Amino acid sequence: MQLDSNQIQEILPHRWPFQMVDRITDCEPGKSAKGIKCVSVNEAQFCGHFPQYHVMPGVLIIEALAQVGAVALLTMDEFKGKTVFFGGIRNARFKQQVRPGDVLVLECELIKLRGSVGIGKGVATVDGKVAAMGEFTFAVG
């Protein structure tokens, strides 16, 4: 399954400036999703992070990964129309900077799901190199 930005907005509640996924390139509901974010200098965070050396904040990369995972979860019939909330972040690692002009490839696998609580594992890459990774605990509300 592939989704454009308008279709993603039908699933996720996020809007500008907090919609961090431009396209879902692959999704297996309840299992995994892959998406992209095209990083642009016109994004609000670059006004202050950092004006003389633009770097995408790591927390926003983690948020982008979580949004991709949320798409994998919210495309399941039993969770359609719900909202996913962070419960925790473990083992977050940042390996390289993400800068304007980069295409951030976001992959998230749902590794555990019990009721409406679970764990996802995400990896963000740029040009095939790992930029960030982490595990996310989530709850569907």
Protein backbone atom coordinates (compact mmCIF):
# COMPACT_ATOMS: atom_id res chain seq x y z
CA MET A 1 0.00 0.00 0.00
CA GLN A 2 1.26 3.48 -0.88
CA LEU A 3 -0.10 6.77 0.48
CA ASP A 4 0.45 10.39 -0.51
CA SER A 5 0.45 13.29 1.97
CA ASN A 6 -3.33 13.84 1.70
CA GLN A 7 -4.04 10.16 2.33
CA ILE A 8 -1.68 10.21 5.33
CA GLN A 9 -3.74 13.09 6.77
CA GLU A 10 -6.81 10.86 6.59
CA ILE A 11 -5.03 8.47 8.98
CA LEU A 12 -2.88 10.70 11.22
CA PRO A 13 -4.07 13.83 13.06
CA HIS A 14 -0.77 15.69 12.46
CA ARG A 15 -0.75 18.86 10.37
CA TRP A 16 1.82 21.53 9.47
CA PRO A 17 4.32 22.06 10.96
CA PHE A 18 4.16 18.64 12.61
CA GLN A 19 3.32 16.25 9.78
CA MET A 20 6.74 14.64 9.39
CA VAL A 21 5.98 12.13 6.63
CA ASP A 22 5.55 13.15 2.99
CA ARG A 23 4.76 9.74 1.54
CA ILE A 24 4.25 6.14 2.62
CA THR A 25 6.02 3.95 0.07
CA ASP A 26 5.05 0.60 1.58
CA CYS A 27 2.72 -0.50 4.36
CA GLU A 28 1.67 -3.85 5.72
CA PRO A 29 -1.07 -3.02 8.24
CA GLY A 30 -0.25 -4.23 11.74
CA LYS A 31 3.29 -5.19 10.76
CA SER A 32 5.41 -2.43 9.20
CA ALA A 33 5.55 0.71 7.11
CA LYS A 34 8.15 2.58 5.10
CA GLY A 35 7.96 6.25 4.21
CA ILE A 36 9.95 9.29 3.17
CA LYS A 37 10.42 12.83 4.39
CA CYS A 38 11.98 15.32 2.00
CA VAL A 39 13.83 17.72 4.28
CA SER A 40 13.47 21.34 3.15
CA VAL A 41 15.18 24.52 4.37
CA ASN A 42 11.71 26.10 4.46
CA GLU A 43 10.70 24.08 7.53
CA ALA A 44 9.96 26.00 10.73
CA GLN A 45 12.60 24.26 12.88
CA PHE A 46 15.45 25.65 10.80
CA CYS A 47 14.66 29.19 11.97
CA GLY A 48 16.23 28.28 15.30
CA HIS A 49 18.07 24.96 14.82
CA PHE A 50 20.52 26.33 13.83
CA PRO A 51 20.22 29.53 11.78
CA GLN A 52 23.85 29.37 10.62
CA TYR A 53 24.03 25.56 10.25
CA HIS A 54 20.71 23.85 9.56
CA VAL A 55 20.39 20.41 11.17
CA MET A 56 17.12 18.53 11.64
CA PRO A 57 16.59 18.01 15.38
CA GLY A 58 16.95 14.38 16.45
CA VAL A 59 13.65 14.50 18.29
CA LEU A 60 11.89 15.33 15.00
CA ILE A 61 13.57 12.39 13.27
CA ILE A 62 12.24 10.16 16.06
CA GLU A 63 8.80 11.74 15.64
CA ALA A 64 8.91 11.02 11.89
CA LEU A 65 9.74 7.38 12.60
CA ALA A 66 6.90 7.16 15.10
CA GLN A 67 4.46 8.65 12.58
CA VAL A 68 5.40 5.96 10.06
CA GLY A 69 4.84 3.33 12.73
CA ALA A 70 1.50 4.93 13.58
CA VAL A 71 0.42 4.53 9.95
CA ALA A 72 1.24 0.79 10.13
CA LEU A 73 -0.90 0.58 13.26
CA LEU A 74 -3.80 2.83 12.28
CA THR A 75 -4.35 1.09 8.94
CA MET A 76 -5.51 -1.96 10.93
CA ASP A 77 -9.32 -2.20 10.88
CA GLU A 78 -9.62 -2.25 14.68
CA PHE A 79 -7.63 1.01 15.09
CA LYS A 80 -9.00 3.13 12.23
CA GLY A 81 -9.91 6.62 13.40
CA LYS A 82 -7.89 6.34 16.63
CA THR A 83 -4.81 8.27 17.80
CA VAL A 84 -1.46 6.77 18.77
CA PHE A 85 0.47 8.22 21.73
CA PHE A 86 4.11 7.81 22.78
CA GLY A 87 4.57 5.68 25.87
CA GLY A 88 8.36 5.73 25.81
CA ILE A 89 11.51 5.75 23.72
CA ARG A 90 14.40 3.32 24.23
CA ASN A 91 17.79 2.88 22.65
CA ALA A 92 17.56 6.03 20.54
CA ARG A 93 20.79 6.57 18.63
CA PHE A 94 21.81 9.33 16.24
CA LYS A 95 24.51 8.38 13.74
CA GLN A 96 24.66 11.29 11.30
CA GLN A 97 23.21 14.73 10.73
CA VAL A 98 20.11 15.24 8.59
CA ARG A 99 20.23 18.48 6.61
CA PRO A 100 18.04 20.34 4.12
CA GLY A 101 18.06 18.56 0.75
CA ASP A 102 18.25 15.10 2.34
CA VAL A 103 15.59 12.48 1.68
CA LEU A 104 14.97 10.72 4.96
CA VAL A 105 13.87 7.11 4.46
CA LEU A 106 11.84 5.99 7.47
CA GLU A 107 11.17 2.34 8.30
CA CYS A 108 9.22 1.12 11.31
CA GLU A 109 8.36 -2.44 12.27
CA LEU A 110 5.78 -3.26 14.93
CA ILE A 111 7.58 -5.89 17.01
CA LYS A 112 5.04 -6.37 19.80
CA LEU A 113 1.33 -5.66 20.08
CA ARG A 114 -0.83 -6.60 23.05
CA GLY A 115 -4.27 -5.05 22.96
CA SER A 116 -3.83 -1.34 22.34
CA VAL A 117 -0.21 -1.17 23.63
CA GLY A 118 2.91 -2.19 21.76
CA ILE A 119 6.48 -1.60 20.67
CA GLY A 120 7.83 -0.44 17.32
CA LYS A 121 11.40 -0.43 16.08
CA GLY A 122 12.46 2.27 13.65
CA VAL A 123 15.44 3.15 11.47
CA ALA A 124 15.92 6.39 9.53
CA THR A 125 18.46 6.49 6.71
CA VAL A 126 19.84 9.04 4.26
CA ASP A 127 21.50 7.72 1.10
CA GLY A 128 21.53 4.23 2.63
CA LYS A 129 23.37 5.32 5.79
CA VAL A 130 21.73 5.14 9.21
CA ALA A 131 20.90 8.59 10.56
CA ALA A 132 18.85 7.53 13.61
CA MET A 133 17.17 4.54 15.20
CA GLY A 134 15.15 3.64 18.25
CA GLU A 135 12.39 1.60 19.86
CA PHE A 136 9.05 3.19 20.69
CA THR A 137 6.43 2.13 23.17
CA PHE A 138 2.99 3.31 22.13
CA ALA A 139 -0.61 3.27 23.22
CA VAL A 140 -3.67 3.63 21.02
CA GLY A 141 -6.18 6.05 22.52
